[in-house]
Protein backbone atom coordinates (compact mmCIF):
# COMPACT_ATOMS: atom_id res chain seq x y z
CA UNK A 1 0.00 0.00 0.00
CA UNK A 2 2.78 2.42 0.92
CA UNK A 3 4.53 1.56 -2.35
CA UNK A 4 1.44 2.71 -4.29
CA UNK A 5 1.33 6.00 -2.36
CA UNK A 6 4.99 6.72 -3.12
CA UNK A 7 4.47 5.83 -6.76
CA UNK A 8 1.41 8.10 -7.00
CA UNK A 9 3.32 10.85 -5.23
CA UNK A 10 6.12 10.60 -7.81
CA UNK A 11 3.63 10.77 -10.67
CA UNK A 12 1.83 13.76 -9.18
CA UNK A 13 5.10 15.55 -8.45
CA UNK A 14 6.23 14.89 -12.00
CA UNK A 15 3.14 16.61 -13.33
CA UNK A 16 3.13 19.28 -10.64
CA UNK A 17 -0.20 20.47 -9.39
CA UNK A 18 -1.74 19.37 -12.67
CA UNK A 19 -1.51 15.75 -11.51
CA UNK A 20 -5.23 15.65 -10.73
CA UNK A 21 -5.91 16.72 -14.29
CA UNK A 22 -3.91 13.74 -15.51
CA UNK A 23 -6.28 11.26 -13.88
CA UNK A 24 -9.30 12.97 -15.45
CA UNK A 25 -7.52 13.07 -18.80
CA UNK A 26 -6.86 9.33 -18.64
CA UNK A 27 -10.51 8.72 -17.72
CA UNK A 28 -11.61 10.91 -20.62
CA UNK A 29 -9.47 9.02 -23.09
CA UNK A 30 -10.83 5.77 -21.64
CA UNK A 31 -14.35 6.96 -22.45
CA UNK A 32 -13.25 7.92 -25.94
CA UNK A 33 -11.69 4.47 -26.38
CA UNK A 34 -14.96 2.79 -25.34
CA UNK A 35 -16.79 4.97 -27.87
CA UNK A 36 -14.39 3.95 -30.63
CA UNK A 37 -14.48 0.24 -29.79
CA UNK A 38 -18.30 0.11 -29.66
CA UNK A 39 -18.49 1.99 -32.96
CA UNK A 40 -15.92 -0.16 -34.76
CA UNK A 41 -16.86 -3.54 -33.31
CA UNK A 42 -20.64 -3.23 -33.08
CA UNK A 43 -22.32 -0.27 -34.78
CA UNK A 44 -20.37 -0.40 -38.07
CA UNK A 45 -20.99 -4.15 -38.60
CA UNK A 46 -24.69 -3.59 -37.85
CA UNK A 47 -24.75 -0.73 -40.38
CA UNK A 48 -23.05 -2.99 -42.93
CA UNK A 49 -25.63 -5.73 -42.31
CA UNK A 50 -28.42 -3.22 -42.80
CA UNK A 51 -26.87 -2.00 -46.05
CA UNK A 52 -26.55 -5.62 -47.21
CA UNK A 53 -30.33 -5.97 -46.88
CA UNK A 54 -30.55 -3.91 -50.05
CA UNK A 55 -32.29 -0.84 -51.34
CA UNK A 56 -35.14 0.08 -48.97
CA UNK A 57 -37.45 0.61 -51.96
CA UNK A 58 -36.94 -3.04 -52.96
CA UNK A 59 -37.07 -4.76 -49.55
CA UNK A 60 -40.27 -6.78 -49.28
CA UNK A 61 -40.35 -6.94 -45.47
CA UNK A 62 -38.94 -3.55 -44.47
CA UNK A 63 -40.58 -3.71 -41.02
CA UNK A 64 -38.95 -7.09 -40.39
CA UNK A 65 -35.52 -5.80 -41.36
CA UNK A 66 -35.96 -2.81 -39.07
CA UNK A 67 -37.22 -5.03 -36.24
CA UNK A 68 -34.09 -7.19 -36.43
CA UNK A 69 -31.72 -4.19 -36.70
CA UNK A 70 -33.10 -1.45 -34.49
CA UNK A 71 -33.03 -2.85 -30.90
CA UNK A 72 -29.38 -3.89 -31.05
CA UNK A 73 -28.22 -0.77 -32.88
CA UNK A 74 -30.02 1.68 -30.61
CA UNK A 75 -28.79 -0.13 -27.49
CA UNK A 76 -25.17 0.10 -28.58
CA UNK A 77 -25.68 3.64 -29.82
CA UNK A 78 -26.86 4.56 -26.32
CA UNK A 79 -23.69 3.05 -24.84
CA UNK A 80 -21.68 5.03 -27.38
CA UNK A 81 -23.49 8.27 -26.53
CA UNK A 82 -22.99 7.76 -22.79
CA UNK A 83 -19.30 6.91 -23.21
CA UNK A 84 -18.65 9.96 -25.36
CA UNK A 85 -20.55 12.18 -22.91
CA UNK A 86 -18.46 10.82 -20.02
CA UNK A 87 -15.30 11.40 -22.08
CA UNK A 88 -16.29 14.99 -22.80
CA UNK A 89 -17.11 15.64 -19.14
CA UNK A 90 -13.84 14.14 -17.92
CA UNK A 91 -11.73 16.02 -20.45
CA UNK A 92 -13.53 19.28 -19.72
CA UNK A 93 -12.93 18.83 -15.99
CA UNK A 94 -9.29 17.93 -16.65
CA UNK A 95 -8.87 21.14 -18.61
CA UNK A 96 -10.46 23.16 -15.82
CA UNK A 97 -8.18 21.58 -13.21
CA UNK A 98 -5.11 22.05 -15.36
CA UNK A 99 -5.98 25.70 -16.00
CA UNK A 100 -6.33 26.34 -12.26
CA UNK A 101 -2.96 24.74 -11.54
CA UNK A 102 -1.10 27.24 -13.73
């Protein structure tokens, strides 16, 4: 436990009083990473699957296609929106803390 305190103290002293901003910056980039991963691994493949269904004017069962696509896509889009909002909040707070430390 004491080892972790000394290590944290060295990190904070390295970054001066802006050390608190560093933690919020890391959290913000973590939120941005979650946003990117969800987009690349889930939303884009779902979009591709929807595009593969064909031209909407030629799809016989458009409601069925939407029913299969929409719940999953909107669920992951909500995760994406929350993660990006958290990232923005963390990075904004990091900037405020860093500005005060100067």
